[in-house]
Each structure stands twice: as C-alpha cells, then as structure tokens.
C-alpha cells in the first residue's frame, strides 16, 4: 500500500481526541501531494512532520510546529479553503484555538468553549473551509462556531461518557456530528436520513473511534483503532 493513496490518507486520519484518550500521540494527515503523515506527541509539544516508520521507537519526523504547551490538543483542518489540510492546537487551559495559517485574518487566537471541552473541527456550513467547535462532555452538548445562526445553536446529543466524532455522513459537503459510546461499542450518527441514523455496533471495549472516507464515495465512514 502506497503512502500517497487516498485510502491510506483516510485510514491515518485519527480524531484529535484520540490523544486525550491515552494514546500518547495523535496521528494526523496532511494531505498534500505527495501525501504525508504527522504525529503530535502529548509529552512533547510539537507536531512532527515526515514519513511514517512503525519500526523505529521514535520515527525520524521533522518538527513542524514546536510552540505551545503540554496542555495543547492537536487539531487539523482546511482553514483557508485551498484544499490543503493545515494544523493547529486547542489550549485547554485558556479555551483558545490557535490555527497555523498565512492569512492574518485567520491567524488570530480564538477563545471558544469552556474548561473541560473537547475540540472538534468540520465544515459546518459547506463553504469549503474548516470551522471549529467544541463538545461539552458534562452537558453532552456540541457548540459549532459558524457565521450561520441556524447552525450555531447548541446541539445536545449522546450520553455521558460518549466520545464526539465528526464526518460528512450524507456526502453533502457539510460536516455532521456523532458520538461513539465505549460502554456499548456503539456509534450514533446525527443525520436526517433514517437509513444512516441507526446505531452501529462496532469494535471492542477500549477501542478508539476513527472516521474517514475509506472508499472514496464522498461520504464519511466509521472505524475503530485497537490498542494492544
């Protein structure tokens, strides 16, 4: 399997929240041409960029962004809408998003959410640019940052203990929300299509949920990463 394949791009697109679940690092894809992968070490505030090597105890990645604190959570998205994935971090201590971009109007720190929130990203309004948001675990509520009032309303979805997931379940170019319930190994997708809204049981206990367009049909599918 080649690193430049679209299928591998999706398979290596882990949720940033995976780093908060004890993985030690989060794998993120930077789908440029050729495609590259990166990791964010939670014990070392840097996003590393380079070729994946699973045989080395510490792969020969090149630091791409070494600023930040140990409290930061990695995020990715197409902030500029140019078709390329950019990186960023969410600083939990100050509830602040920092997006790495060359556009001054997008590079300003964004305070959004509350203490204990989990950062999420997705193109909520379908304009081709990735937006930010947070999931508030204690209230089971999604808060999406968007300029469209009808999309900016808080969304209560899921149960206590659920893990937020994001994907374009319907293939309409807009990111949707969902949750993975570790206690029952079940995915719940928020969608207006009844055939997609049925709970999906997948994986084992302690698996980490992942999402991606595995077959290239324009719709996001689900999966799990198993920690041995």
C-alpha atoms as a PDB file:
ATOM      1  CA  UNK A   1       0.000   0.000   0.000  1.00  0.00           C
ATOM      2  CA  UNK A   2       1.436   3.378  -1.006  1.00  0.00           C
ATOM      3  CA  UNK A   3       1.522   6.364   1.342  1.00  0.00           C
ATOM      4  CA  UNK A   4       0.126   8.577  -1.393  1.00  0.00           C
ATOM      5  CA  UNK A   5      -3.095   6.601  -1.800  1.00  0.00           C
ATOM      6  CA  UNK A   6      -6.408   8.201  -0.866  1.00  0.00           C
ATOM      7  CA  UNK A   7      -7.339   5.112   1.121  1.00  0.00           C
ATOM      8  CA  UNK A   8      -4.327   5.411   3.389  1.00  0.00           C
ATOM      9  CA  UNK A   9      -4.991   9.110   3.812  1.00  0.00           C
ATOM     10  CA  UNK A  10      -8.328   8.273   5.334  1.00  0.00           C
ATOM     11  CA  UNK A  11      -7.049   5.367   7.389  1.00  0.00           C
ATOM     12  CA  UNK A  12      -4.492   7.591   9.063  1.00  0.00           C
ATOM     13  CA  UNK A  13      -6.928  10.393   9.804  1.00  0.00           C
ATOM     14  CA  UNK A  14      -7.358   9.836  13.550  1.00  0.00           C
ATOM     15  CA  UNK A  15      -9.519  12.083  15.655  1.00  0.00           C
ATOM     16  CA  UNK A  16      -7.537  14.599  17.604  1.00  0.00           C
ATOM     17  CA  UNK A  17      -9.451  13.479  20.646  1.00  0.00           C
ATOM     18  CA  UNK A  18      -7.584  10.176  20.484  1.00  0.00           C
ATOM     19  CA  UNK A  19      -4.629  11.891  22.105  1.00  0.00           C
ATOM     20  CA  UNK A  20      -6.842  12.659  25.090  1.00  0.00           C
ATOM     21  CA  UNK A  21      -7.749   9.011  25.499  1.00  0.00           C
ATOM     22  CA  UNK A  22      -4.274   7.834  26.387  1.00  0.00           C
ATOM     23  CA  UNK A  23      -2.713   7.005  23.039  1.00  0.00           C
ATOM     24  CA  UNK A  24       0.366   9.071  23.826  1.00  0.00           C
ATOM     25  CA  UNK A  25       0.275  10.676  20.395  1.00  0.00           C
ATOM     26  CA  UNK A  26      -2.289  11.526  17.752  1.00  0.00           C
ATOM     27  CA  UNK A  27      -1.717  10.675  14.100  1.00  0.00           C
ATOM     28  CA  UNK A  28      -2.869  13.358  11.705  1.00  0.00           C
ATOM     29  CA  UNK A  29      -2.797  13.506   7.918  1.00  0.00           C
ATOM     30  CA  UNK A  30      -1.585  16.491   5.948  1.00  0.00           C
ATOM     31  CA  UNK A  31      -2.996  15.538   2.519  1.00  0.00           C
ATOM     32  CA  UNK A  32      -0.618  17.402   0.248  1.00  0.00           C
ATOM     33  CA  UNK A  33       0.921  15.955  -2.902  1.00  0.00           C
ATOM     34  CA  UNK A  34       2.657  13.693  -2.179  1.00  0.00           C
ATOM     35  CA  UNK A  35       0.766  12.836   0.983  1.00  0.00           C
ATOM     36  CA  UNK A  36       2.498  12.938   4.347  1.00  0.00           C
ATOM     37  CA  UNK A  37       1.562  11.941   7.839  1.00  0.00           C
ATOM     38  CA  UNK A  38       2.333  13.582  11.129  1.00  0.00           C
ATOM     39  CA  UNK A  39       2.108  12.878  14.815  1.00  0.00           C
ATOM     40  CA  UNK A  40       1.576  15.049  17.843  1.00  0.00           C
ATOM     41  CA  UNK A  41       3.469  13.866  20.918  1.00  0.00           C
ATOM     42  CA  UNK A  42       1.500  14.656  24.066  1.00  0.00           C
ATOM     43  CA  UNK A  43       4.670  14.575  26.161  1.00  0.00           C
ATOM     44  CA  UNK A  44       6.453  16.958  23.798  1.00  0.00           C
ATOM     45  CA  UNK A  45       4.549  19.990  22.484  1.00  0.00           C
ATOM     46  CA  UNK A  46       5.323  19.643  18.808  1.00  0.00           C
ATOM     47  CA  UNK A  47       3.690  18.434  15.636  1.00  0.00           C
ATOM     48  CA  UNK A  48       6.202  16.282  13.798  1.00  0.00           C
ATOM     49  CA  UNK A  49       6.122  16.023  10.015  1.00  0.00           C
ATOM     50  CA  UNK A  50       7.622  13.370   7.789  1.00  0.00           C
ATOM     51  CA  UNK A  51       7.406   9.777   6.641  1.00  0.00           C
ATOM     52  CA  UNK A  52       5.767   7.236   8.891  1.00  0.00           C
ATOM     53  CA  UNK A  53       8.010   4.469  10.174  1.00  0.00           C
ATOM     54  CA  UNK A  54       6.472   1.997  12.571  1.00  0.00           C
ATOM     55  CA  UNK A  55       9.748   0.096  13.039  1.00  0.00           C
ATOM     56  CA  UNK A  56      11.576   2.889  14.818  1.00  0.00           C
ATOM     57  CA  UNK A  57      10.861   3.577  18.514  1.00  0.00           C
ATOM     58  CA  UNK A  58      10.767   7.301  17.659  1.00  0.00           C
ATOM     59  CA  UNK A  59      10.257   7.827  13.906  1.00  0.00           C
ATOM     60  CA  UNK A  60      12.534  10.321  12.149  1.00  0.00           C
ATOM     61  CA  UNK A  61       9.971  13.091  11.957  1.00  0.00           C
ATOM     62  CA  UNK A  62      10.937  16.692  11.370  1.00  0.00           C
ATOM     63  CA  UNK A  63       9.435  19.256  13.790  1.00  0.00           C
ATOM     64  CA  UNK A  64       6.925  21.461  12.007  1.00  0.00           C
ATOM     65  CA  UNK A  65       5.429  23.327  14.936  1.00  0.00           C
ATOM     66  CA  UNK A  66       7.198  23.298  18.269  1.00  0.00           C
ATOM     67  CA  UNK A  67       5.473  26.150  20.035  1.00  0.00           C
ATOM     68  CA  UNK A  68       2.744  25.503  22.541  1.00  0.00           C
ATOM     69  CA  UNK A  69       2.286  23.872  25.906  1.00  0.00           C
ATOM     70  CA  UNK A  70       1.770  20.333  27.195  1.00  0.00           C
ATOM     71  CA  UNK A  71      -1.872  21.287  27.695  1.00  0.00           C
ATOM     72  CA  UNK A  72      -2.468  21.711  23.951  1.00  0.00           C
ATOM     73  CA  UNK A  73      -4.588  19.310  21.890  1.00  0.00           C
ATOM     74  CA  UNK A  74      -3.775  18.913  18.160  1.00  0.00           C
ATOM     75  CA  UNK A  75      -6.385  19.771  15.521  1.00  0.00           C
ATOM     76  CA  UNK A  76      -6.351  19.780  11.722  1.00  0.00           C
ATOM     77  CA  UNK A  77      -8.486  21.409   9.065  1.00  0.00           C
ATOM     78  CA  UNK A  78      -8.510  23.350   5.819  1.00  0.00           C
ATOM     79  CA  UNK A  79      -8.624  26.789   7.456  1.00  0.00           C
ATOM     80  CA  UNK A  80      -8.007  28.688   4.202  1.00  0.00           C
ATOM     81  CA  UNK A  81     -10.258  26.670   1.894  1.00  0.00           C
ATOM     82  CA  UNK A  82      -7.436  25.949  -0.550  1.00  0.00           C
ATOM     83  CA  UNK A  83      -7.856  22.181  -0.484  1.00  0.00           C
ATOM     84  CA  UNK A  84      -4.868  21.591   1.768  1.00  0.00           C
ATOM     85  CA  UNK A  85      -5.028  20.494   5.390  1.00  0.00           C
ATOM     86  CA  UNK A  86      -3.464  22.817   7.950  1.00  0.00           C
ATOM     87  CA  UNK A  87      -2.576  22.243  11.578  1.00  0.00           C
ATOM     88  CA  UNK A  88      -3.461  23.941  14.829  1.00  0.00           C
ATOM     89  CA  UNK A  89      -3.853  23.390  18.542  1.00  0.00           C
ATOM     90  CA  UNK A  90      -6.527  23.920  21.173  1.00  0.00           C
ATOM     91  CA  UNK A  91      -5.212  25.129  24.527  1.00  0.00           C
ATOM     92  CA  UNK A  92      -7.485  23.708  27.198  1.00  0.00           C
ATOM     93  CA  UNK A  93      -6.212  25.937  29.997  1.00  0.00           C
ATOM     94  CA  UNK A  94      -7.280  29.110  28.190  1.00  0.00           C
ATOM     95  CA  UNK A  95     -10.063  27.676  25.969  1.00  0.00           C
ATOM     96  CA  UNK A  96      -8.217  29.039  22.936  1.00  0.00           C
ATOM     97  CA  UNK A  97      -7.764  27.804  19.364  1.00  0.00           C
ATOM     98  CA  UNK A  98      -4.514  28.603  17.524  1.00  0.00           C
ATOM     99  CA  UNK A  99      -4.646  27.956  13.767  1.00  0.00           C
ATOM    100  CA  UNK A 100      -1.476  27.800  11.680  1.00  0.00           C
ATOM    101  CA  UNK A 101      -2.199  29.853   8.561  1.00  0.00           C
ATOM    102  CA  UNK A 102      -0.564  32.516   6.428  1.00  0.00           C
ATOM    103  CA  UNK A 103      -3.715  34.623   6.393  1.00  0.00           C
ATOM    104  CA  UNK A 104      -3.609  37.285   9.140  1.00  0.00           C
ATOM    105  CA  UNK A 105      -7.397  37.389   9.392  1.00  0.00           C
ATOM    106  CA  UNK A 106      -7.459  33.676  10.297  1.00  0.00           C
ATOM    107  CA  UNK A 107      -4.333  33.551  12.456  1.00  0.00           C
ATOM    108  CA  UNK A 108      -5.746  35.360  15.474  1.00  0.00           C
ATOM    109  CA  UNK A 109      -6.275  33.227  18.612  1.00  0.00           C
ATOM    110  CA  UNK A 110      -9.926  32.272  19.057  1.00  0.00           C
ATOM    111  CA  UNK A 111     -11.365  31.843  22.543  1.00  0.00           C
ATOM    112  CA  UNK A 112     -14.252  29.403  22.314  1.00  0.00           C
ATOM    113  CA  UNK A 113     -15.801  26.913  24.692  1.00  0.00           C
ATOM    114  CA  UNK A 114     -15.291  26.210  28.351  1.00  0.00           C
ATOM    115  CA  UNK A 115     -12.917  24.336  30.638  1.00  0.00           C
ATOM    116  CA  UNK A 116     -13.086  20.615  30.029  1.00  0.00           C
ATOM    117  CA  UNK A 117     -14.414  20.930  26.470  1.00  0.00           C
ATOM    118  CA  UNK A 118     -13.133  18.686  23.671  1.00  0.00           C
ATOM    119  CA  UNK A 119     -12.146  20.491  20.441  1.00  0.00           C
ATOM    120  CA  UNK A 120     -13.784  19.424  17.173  1.00  0.00           C
ATOM    121  CA  UNK A 121     -13.401  20.636  13.597  1.00  0.00           C
ATOM    122  CA  UNK A 122     -15.532  20.369  10.463  1.00  0.00           C
ATOM    123  CA  UNK A 123     -17.009  22.327   7.597  1.00  0.00           C
ATOM    124  CA  UNK A 124     -20.324  23.029   9.297  1.00  0.00           C
ATOM    125  CA  UNK A 125     -21.748  25.331   6.601  1.00  0.00           C
ATOM    126  CA  UNK A 126     -20.332  23.693   3.460  1.00  0.00           C
ATOM    127  CA  UNK A 127     -18.294  26.691   2.283  1.00  0.00           C
ATOM    128  CA  UNK A 128     -15.135  24.636   1.749  1.00  0.00           C
ATOM    129  CA  UNK A 129     -13.357  25.934   4.845  1.00  0.00           C
ATOM    130  CA  UNK A 130     -12.990  24.018   8.084  1.00  0.00           C
ATOM    131  CA  UNK A 131     -14.633  25.579  11.120  1.00  0.00           C
ATOM    132  CA  UNK A 132     -14.006  24.940  14.796  1.00  0.00           C
ATOM    133  CA  UNK A 133     -16.230  23.834  17.634  1.00  0.00           C
ATOM    134  CA  UNK A 134     -16.244  22.108  20.997  1.00  0.00           C
ATOM    135  CA  UNK A 135     -18.054  19.255  22.692  1.00  0.00           C
ATOM    136  CA  UNK A 136     -19.026  19.808  26.328  1.00  0.00           C
ATOM    137  CA  UNK A 137     -18.997  16.332  27.940  1.00  0.00           C
ATOM    138  CA  UNK A 138     -20.835  17.212  31.146  1.00  0.00           C
ATOM    139  CA  UNK A 139     -23.858  18.533  29.245  1.00  0.00           C
ATOM    140  CA  UNK A 140     -23.474  16.262  26.182  1.00  0.00           C
ATOM    141  CA  UNK A 141     -23.622  19.387  24.010  1.00  0.00           C
ATOM    142  CA  UNK A 142     -21.949  20.348  20.731  1.00  0.00           C
ATOM    143  CA  UNK A 143     -21.157  24.021  20.125  1.00  0.00           C
ATOM    144  CA  UNK A 144     -20.282  24.853  16.490  1.00  0.00           C
ATOM    145  CA  UNK A 145     -18.610  28.136  15.553  1.00  0.00           C
ATOM    146  CA  UNK A 146     -20.165  29.368  12.324  1.00  0.00           C
ATOM    147  CA  UNK A 147     -21.471  32.594  10.803  1.00  0.00           C
ATOM    148  CA  UNK A 148     -24.848  30.990  10.064  1.00  0.00           C
ATOM    149  CA  UNK A 149     -27.201  31.493  13.041  1.00  0.00           C
ATOM    150  CA  UNK A 150     -29.265  28.421  12.188  1.00  0.00           C
ATOM    151  CA  UNK A 151     -26.171  26.229  12.576  1.00  0.00           C
ATOM    152  CA  UNK A 152     -24.764  27.940  15.665  1.00  0.00           C
ATOM    153  CA  UNK A 153     -27.382  26.671  18.100  1.00  0.00           C
ATOM    154  CA  UNK A 154     -26.123  24.274  20.811  1.00  0.00           C
ATOM    155  CA  UNK A 155     -26.879  20.641  19.973  1.00  0.00           C
ATOM    156  CA  UNK A 156     -27.473  18.148  22.760  1.00  0.00           C
ATOM    157  CA  UNK A 157     -26.606  14.672  21.500  1.00  0.00           C
ATOM    158  CA  UNK A 158     -25.466  11.482  23.162  1.00  0.00           C
ATOM    159  CA  UNK A 159     -24.991  10.338  26.728  1.00  0.00           C
ATOM    160  CA  UNK A 160     -22.453  10.957  29.456  1.00  0.00           C
ATOM    161  CA  UNK A 161     -19.196   9.180  28.637  1.00  0.00           C
ATOM    162  CA  UNK A 162     -19.662   9.352  24.862  1.00  0.00           C
ATOM    163  CA  UNK A 163     -16.791  10.371  22.572  1.00  0.00           C
ATOM    164  CA  UNK A 164     -17.568  13.007  19.897  1.00  0.00           C
ATOM    165  CA  UNK A 165     -16.934  12.174  16.235  1.00  0.00           C
ATOM    166  CA  UNK A 166     -17.263  14.289  13.109  1.00  0.00           C
ATOM    167  CA  UNK A 167     -17.874  13.324   9.487  1.00  0.00           C
ATOM    168  CA  UNK A 168     -19.885  14.017   6.361  1.00  0.00           C
ATOM    169  CA  UNK A 169     -22.295  11.116   6.839  1.00  0.00           C
ATOM    170  CA  UNK A 170     -24.616  12.172   3.997  1.00  0.00           C
ATOM    171  CA  UNK A 171     -21.978  13.220   1.449  1.00  0.00           C
ATOM    172  CA  UNK A 172     -23.439  16.704   1.007  1.00  0.00           C
ATOM    173  CA  UNK A 173     -20.211  18.596   1.697  1.00  0.00           C
ATOM    174  CA  UNK A 174     -21.202  19.570   5.224  1.00  0.00           C
ATOM    175  CA  UNK A 175     -19.736  18.059   8.385  1.00  0.00           C
ATOM    176  CA  UNK A 176     -22.142  16.316  10.729  1.00  0.00           C
ATOM    177  CA  UNK A 177     -21.765  15.290  14.348  1.00  0.00           C
ATOM    178  CA  UNK A 178     -21.992  11.950  16.088  1.00  0.00           C
ATOM    179  CA  UNK A 179     -20.811  10.069  19.151  1.00  0.00           C
ATOM    180  CA  UNK A 180     -19.186   6.767  19.977  1.00  0.00           C
ATOM    181  CA  UNK A 181     -20.344   5.055  23.159  1.00  0.00           C
ATOM    182  CA  UNK A 182     -17.430   2.993  24.564  1.00  0.00           C
ATOM    183  CA  UNK A 183     -19.626   1.171  27.087  1.00  0.00           C
ATOM    184  CA  UNK A 184     -21.695  -0.452  24.324  1.00  0.00           C
ATOM    185  CA  UNK A 185     -19.197  -0.124  21.422  1.00  0.00           C
ATOM    186  CA  UNK A 186     -21.863   1.792  19.507  1.00  0.00           C
ATOM    187  CA  UNK A 187     -21.758   4.656  17.017  1.00  0.00           C
ATOM    188  CA  UNK A 188     -24.643   7.150  16.856  1.00  0.00           C
ATOM    189  CA  UNK A 189     -24.675   9.483  13.839  1.00  0.00           C
ATOM    190  CA  UNK A 190     -26.790  12.650  13.741  1.00  0.00           C
ATOM    191  CA  UNK A 191     -28.381  12.737  10.307  1.00  0.00           C
ATOM    192  CA  UNK A 192     -31.747  13.398   8.692  1.00  0.00           C
ATOM    193  CA  UNK A 193     -31.533  10.193   6.650  1.00  0.00           C
ATOM    194  CA  UNK A 194     -33.272   7.354   8.522  1.00  0.00           C
ATOM    195  CA  UNK A 195     -31.123   4.687   6.890  1.00  0.00           C
ATOM    196  CA  UNK A 196     -27.978   6.352   8.310  1.00  0.00           C
ATOM    197  CA  UNK A 197     -29.375   7.168  11.748  1.00  0.00           C
ATOM    198  CA  UNK A 198     -29.467   3.599  13.070  1.00  0.00           C
ATOM    199  CA  UNK A 199     -26.999   2.797  15.892  1.00  0.00           C
ATOM    200  CA  UNK A 200     -23.968   0.851  14.676  1.00  0.00           C
ATOM    201  CA  UNK A 201     -22.179  -1.595  16.965  1.00  0.00           C
ATOM    202  CA  UNK A 202     -18.509  -1.939  16.005  1.00  0.00           C
ATOM    203  CA  UNK A 203     -15.289  -2.801  17.775  1.00  0.00           C
ATOM    204  CA  UNK A 204     -14.279  -3.902  21.242  1.00  0.00           C
ATOM    205  CA  UNK A 205     -14.070  -2.193  24.596  1.00  0.00           C
ATOM    206  CA  UNK A 206     -11.192   0.331  24.786  1.00  0.00           C
ATOM    207  CA  UNK A 207     -11.125   0.796  21.005  1.00  0.00           C
ATOM    208  CA  UNK A 208     -10.676   4.368  19.754  1.00  0.00           C
ATOM    209  CA  UNK A 209     -13.203   5.669  17.171  1.00  0.00           C
ATOM    210  CA  UNK A 210     -11.912   6.945  13.836  1.00  0.00           C
ATOM    211  CA  UNK A 211     -13.638   8.364  10.768  1.00  0.00           C
ATOM    212  CA  UNK A 212     -12.704   8.705   7.105  1.00  0.00           C
ATOM    213  CA  UNK A 213     -13.879   8.219   3.542  1.00  0.00           C
ATOM    214  CA  UNK A 214     -12.456   4.709   3.138  1.00  0.00           C
ATOM    215  CA  UNK A 215     -13.917   4.000  -0.314  1.00  0.00           C
ATOM    216  CA  UNK A 216     -13.758   7.470  -1.879  1.00  0.00           C
ATOM    217  CA  UNK A 217     -17.514   7.878  -2.397  1.00  0.00           C
ATOM    218  CA  UNK A 218     -17.640  11.306  -0.742  1.00  0.00           C
ATOM    219  CA  UNK A 219     -19.283  10.052   2.435  1.00  0.00           C
ATOM    220  CA  UNK A 220     -17.506   9.592   5.751  1.00  0.00           C
ATOM    221  CA  UNK A 221     -17.430   6.084   7.197  1.00  0.00           C
ATOM    222  CA  UNK A 222     -16.585   4.920  10.695  1.00  0.00           C
ATOM    223  CA  UNK A 223     -13.969   2.591  12.132  1.00  0.00           C
ATOM    224  CA  UNK A 224     -12.012   1.837  15.268  1.00  0.00           C
ATOM    225  CA  UNK A 225      -8.343   1.740  16.251  1.00  0.00           C
ATOM    226  CA  UNK A 226      -7.453  -1.104  18.593  1.00  0.00           C
ATOM    227  CA  UNK A 227      -4.787  -0.504  21.237  1.00  0.00           C
ATOM    228  CA  UNK A 228      -2.972  -3.694  22.145  1.00  0.00           C
END
